[in-house]
Protein backbone atom coordinates (compact mmCIF):
# COMPACT_ATOMS: atom_id res chain seq x y z
CA UNK A 1 34.49 -47.32 -15.66
CA UNK A 2 32.54 -45.19 -17.56
CA UNK A 3 34.47 -43.00 -20.48
CA UNK A 4 32.58 -39.37 -21.68
CA UNK A 5 33.71 -39.30 -25.44
CA UNK A 6 32.10 -35.87 -25.49
CA UNK A 7 28.10 -35.28 -27.27
CA UNK A 8 27.54 -33.03 -30.34
CA UNK A 9 26.16 -29.67 -29.49
CA UNK A 10 23.93 -30.33 -32.78
CA UNK A 11 21.18 -31.77 -31.41
CA UNK A 12 20.47 -28.59 -29.10
CA UNK A 13 20.63 -26.19 -31.81
CA UNK A 14 18.15 -28.41 -33.48
CA UNK A 15 15.79 -28.55 -31.22
CA UNK A 16 16.18 -24.65 -30.51
CA UNK A 17 16.10 -24.01 -34.56
CA UNK A 18 13.18 -26.10 -35.55
CA UNK A 19 11.43 -26.49 -32.28
CA UNK A 20 9.14 -29.74 -31.48
CA UNK A 21 5.94 -30.04 -33.73
CA UNK A 22 3.05 -31.12 -32.00
CA UNK A 23 2.10 -33.33 -34.75
CA UNK A 24 5.49 -34.87 -34.22
CA UNK A 25 5.24 -35.60 -30.85
CA UNK A 26 1.70 -37.16 -31.56
CA UNK A 27 3.44 -39.55 -33.49
CA UNK A 28 5.37 -40.60 -31.44
CA UNK A 29 3.27 -41.45 -28.90
CA UNK A 30 0.90 -43.16 -31.05
CA UNK A 31 3.45 -45.44 -32.29
CA UNK A 32 5.10 -46.26 -29.04
CA UNK A 33 1.34 -46.85 -27.27
CA UNK A 34 1.99 -48.16 -23.40
CA UNK A 35 0.48 -51.49 -22.54
CA UNK A 36 -1.64 -52.51 -19.47
CA UNK A 37 0.24 -52.88 -16.32
CA UNK A 38 -0.41 -56.02 -13.77
CA UNK A 39 -1.85 -54.89 -11.09
CA UNK A 40 0.24 -53.30 -8.65
CA UNK A 41 0.44 -53.12 -4.73
CA UNK A 42 -1.91 -50.32 -2.90
CA UNK A 43 0.50 -47.54 -2.65
CA UNK A 44 2.77 -48.41 -5.71
CA UNK A 45 1.11 -46.77 -8.38
CA UNK A 46 2.18 -43.13 -8.23
CA UNK A 47 5.53 -44.74 -9.44
CA UNK A 48 4.73 -48.07 -11.26
CA UNK A 49 6.55 -49.63 -8.73
CA UNK A 50 7.10 -53.24 -8.65
CA UNK A 51 5.80 -55.46 -5.35
CA UNK A 52 8.08 -54.46 -2.49
CA UNK A 53 10.20 -51.52 -3.41
CA UNK A 54 7.67 -49.19 -2.24
CA UNK A 55 9.72 -47.94 0.65
CA UNK A 56 13.12 -47.81 -1.74
CA UNK A 57 11.22 -45.55 -3.82
CA UNK A 58 9.32 -43.28 -0.65
CA UNK A 59 13.52 -43.40 0.87
CA UNK A 60 15.58 -42.24 -2.92
CA UNK A 61 12.79 -39.55 -3.86
CA UNK A 62 12.95 -38.39 -0.22
CA UNK A 63 16.44 -38.06 -0.19
CA UNK A 64 16.82 -36.14 -3.09
CA UNK A 65 13.99 -33.81 -2.17
CA UNK A 66 16.25 -33.27 0.73
CA UNK A 67 20.00 -33.00 -1.05
CA UNK A 68 18.51 -31.06 -3.88
CA UNK A 69 15.87 -28.87 -2.45
CA UNK A 70 16.21 -26.25 -4.56
CA UNK A 71 15.65 -28.09 -7.84
CA UNK A 72 12.18 -28.56 -8.64
CA UNK A 73 10.66 -31.83 -8.95
CA UNK A 74 7.92 -32.41 -12.20
CA UNK A 75 5.93 -35.22 -11.58
CA UNK A 76 5.30 -37.33 -14.53
CA UNK A 77 1.43 -36.75 -14.83
CA UNK A 78 2.51 -33.29 -14.57
CA UNK A 79 4.38 -33.33 -17.35
CA UNK A 80 2.12 -35.50 -19.88
CA UNK A 81 -0.22 -32.93 -19.40
CA UNK A 82 1.89 -30.02 -19.89
CA UNK A 83 2.76 -32.01 -23.46
CA UNK A 84 -1.33 -32.31 -24.20
CA UNK A 85 -1.31 -28.29 -22.82
CA UNK A 86 -1.37 -25.67 -25.54
CA UNK A 87 2.29 -24.36 -23.57
CA UNK A 88 5.07 -24.81 -25.55
CA UNK A 89 6.52 -27.88 -24.68
CA UNK A 90 9.87 -28.01 -22.99
CA UNK A 91 13.40 -29.21 -23.99
CA UNK A 92 13.88 -32.96 -22.77
CA UNK A 93 17.10 -34.11 -21.78
CA UNK A 94 18.65 -37.29 -21.01
CA UNK A 95 21.84 -37.15 -18.67
CA UNK A 96 22.78 -40.25 -18.57
CA UNK A 97 26.19 -41.77 -20.37
CA UNK A 98 25.57 -43.49 -23.69
CA UNK A 99 25.45 -46.93 -22.54
CA UNK A 100 22.11 -46.15 -20.87
CA UNK A 101 20.60 -43.93 -23.55
CA UNK A 102 21.48 -46.36 -25.93
CA UNK A 103 19.37 -49.09 -24.55
CA UNK A 104 16.12 -46.64 -24.14
CA UNK A 105 15.04 -43.34 -23.45
CA UNK A 106 12.01 -41.21 -23.13
CA UNK A 107 10.70 -40.06 -26.89
CA UNK A 108 11.64 -36.89 -27.98
CA UNK A 109 14.94 -36.71 -25.76
CA UNK A 110 18.22 -34.96 -26.32
CA UNK A 111 21.35 -36.92 -25.10
CA UNK A 112 23.27 -34.41 -23.44
CA UNK A 113 25.20 -36.77 -20.29
CA UNK A 114 26.42 -34.73 -17.46
CA UNK A 115 29.62 -35.11 -17.14
CA UNK A 116 32.89 -32.96 -17.75
CA UNK A 117 31.55 -29.86 -20.15
CA UNK A 118 28.11 -30.70 -19.73
CA UNK A 119 27.51 -26.82 -19.51
CA UNK A 120 29.17 -26.41 -22.84
CA UNK A 121 26.79 -27.78 -24.46
CA UNK A 122 23.96 -25.27 -23.35
CA UNK A 123 25.45 -21.91 -24.57
CA UNK A 124 23.20 -22.54 -27.58
CA UNK A 125 19.88 -22.18 -25.29
CA UNK A 126 18.71 -19.07 -24.12
CA UNK A 127 18.48 -19.39 -20.37
CA UNK A 128 14.30 -18.49 -20.37
CA UNK A 129 14.26 -21.85 -21.87
CA UNK A 130 11.90 -24.83 -19.87
CA UNK A 131 13.76 -27.72 -19.86
CA UNK A 132 13.27 -30.84 -18.01
CA UNK A 133 16.19 -33.51 -16.91
CA UNK A 134 16.18 -37.13 -16.89
CA UNK A 135 18.58 -39.87 -15.62
CA UNK A 136 17.81 -43.63 -13.61
CA UNK A 137 15.40 -42.16 -10.34
CA UNK A 138 16.37 -38.09 -10.38
CA UNK A 139 19.78 -38.08 -8.50
CA UNK A 140 21.98 -37.43 -11.55
CA UNK A 141 19.31 -34.96 -13.28
CA UNK A 142 18.68 -33.38 -9.90
CA UNK A 143 22.52 -32.60 -9.38
CA UNK A 144 22.43 -31.54 -13.10
CA UNK A 145 19.51 -29.38 -13.02
CA UNK A 146 21.23 -27.36 -9.96
CA UNK A 147 23.79 -26.92 -11.74
CA UNK A 148 22.49 -25.10 -14.83
CA UNK A 149 20.30 -23.11 -12.19
CA UNK A 150 23.31 -22.01 -10.70
CA UNK A 151 24.50 -21.06 -14.54
CA UNK A 152 21.35 -19.23 -14.93
CA UNK A 153 19.00 -21.27 -16.50
CA UNK A 154 15.84 -20.33 -13.86
CA UNK A 155 13.07 -22.89 -15.37
CA UNK A 156 15.22 -26.23 -15.39
CA UNK A 157 13.20 -28.70 -13.98
CA UNK A 158 13.63 -32.47 -13.06
CA UNK A 159 11.66 -35.24 -14.18
CA UNK A 160 10.85 -37.00 -10.68
CA UNK A 161 11.16 -40.87 -10.76
CA UNK A 162 12.92 -40.32 -14.05
CA UNK A 163 13.12 -43.32 -16.52
CA UNK A 164 12.57 -45.72 -14.33
CA UNK A 165 9.40 -44.75 -12.68
CA UNK A 166 8.20 -44.07 -16.44
CA UNK A 167 9.13 -47.34 -17.65
CA UNK A 168 7.37 -48.82 -14.87
CA UNK A 169 4.35 -46.94 -15.30
CA UNK A 170 4.19 -48.63 -19.20
CA UNK A 171 5.27 -45.10 -20.58
CA UNK A 172 6.53 -45.73 -24.53
CA UNK A 173 10.50 -46.01 -24.42
CA UNK A 174 13.06 -46.05 -27.20
CA UNK A 175 15.90 -46.78 -28.88
CA UNK A 176 17.96 -46.52 -32.23
CA UNK A 177 15.58 -48.80 -33.92
CA UNK A 178 12.16 -47.44 -32.76
CA UNK A 179 10.15 -48.81 -30.01
CA UNK A 180 11.40 -50.81 -26.93
CA UNK A 181 10.17 -51.86 -23.60
CA UNK A 182 13.23 -52.25 -21.35
CA UNK A 183 15.43 -50.11 -19.56
CA UNK A 184 19.02 -50.20 -18.37
CA UNK A 185 19.06 -51.32 -14.40
CA UNK A 186 22.18 -48.83 -13.80
CA UNK A 187 23.04 -51.37 -11.21
CA UNK A 188 22.02 -54.08 -9.14
CA UNK A 189 20.74 -52.28 -6.21
CA UNK A 190 19.01 -49.47 -8.11
CA UNK A 191 18.04 -51.96 -10.53
CA UNK A 192 15.94 -53.35 -7.90
CA UNK A 193 13.43 -50.49 -8.42
CA UNK A 194 12.47 -51.75 -12.00
CA UNK A 195 10.16 -53.95 -12.64
CA UNK A 196 11.77 -57.44 -13.52
CA UNK A 197 10.63 -57.16 -17.11
CA UNK A 198 11.44 -53.75 -17.48
CA UNK A 199 15.38 -54.19 -16.85
CA UNK A 200 17.17 -55.08 -20.14
CA UNK A 201 19.36 -57.47 -17.89
CA UNK A 202 20.62 -58.19 -14.44
CA UNK A 203 22.80 -55.78 -13.56
CA UNK A 204 25.38 -56.18 -10.91
CA UNK A 205 28.49 -53.86 -9.63
CA UNK A 206 28.78 -50.44 -9.20
CA UNK A 207 27.09 -48.75 -6.38
CA UNK A 208 27.80 -44.98 -7.34
CA UNK A 209 25.56 -41.58 -8.67
CA UNK A 210 21.47 -42.62 -9.67
């Protein structure tokens, strides 16, 4: 059973007060340059899918789009294009529990678990702020985005495919010590959506929200 001990609001306060400098983002990307990916099966490139998982990806993304039709979805390529544009970068939020975030996360992400008291951490965030949320594949972050949008944050978007798709594409990942290449697989079923070499370990057990 997951236990949420509460995340400090200070990370969000720091982001709002100082913003994210373009130079800092550039430094993060350069130090975490992705490795070339092995050749993928036809049709699998969009999510960097491991062989045989295309149908499972199509099903889960279709289910997310249907269940959370009111939540905009942002593709990874579009997110990266946003960072490389003159548009101010969004607030990137990882909504997974601490044990998942600690294994790895997307560079620049603020950690705010989608748990009890989630909305309280956004009291320091202007409601017009661009916010991008992610989790493992996008289910939990879409649910959290819906919660924020209903609270008046009208520029909240979900990162489609979330960190699993990000890792499968060979995008940079970090942990507390710096660059890394693996991701918490969540559980056995959903971990199959990750390339085997991207799994921090072979998971088993619970089959809850993603």
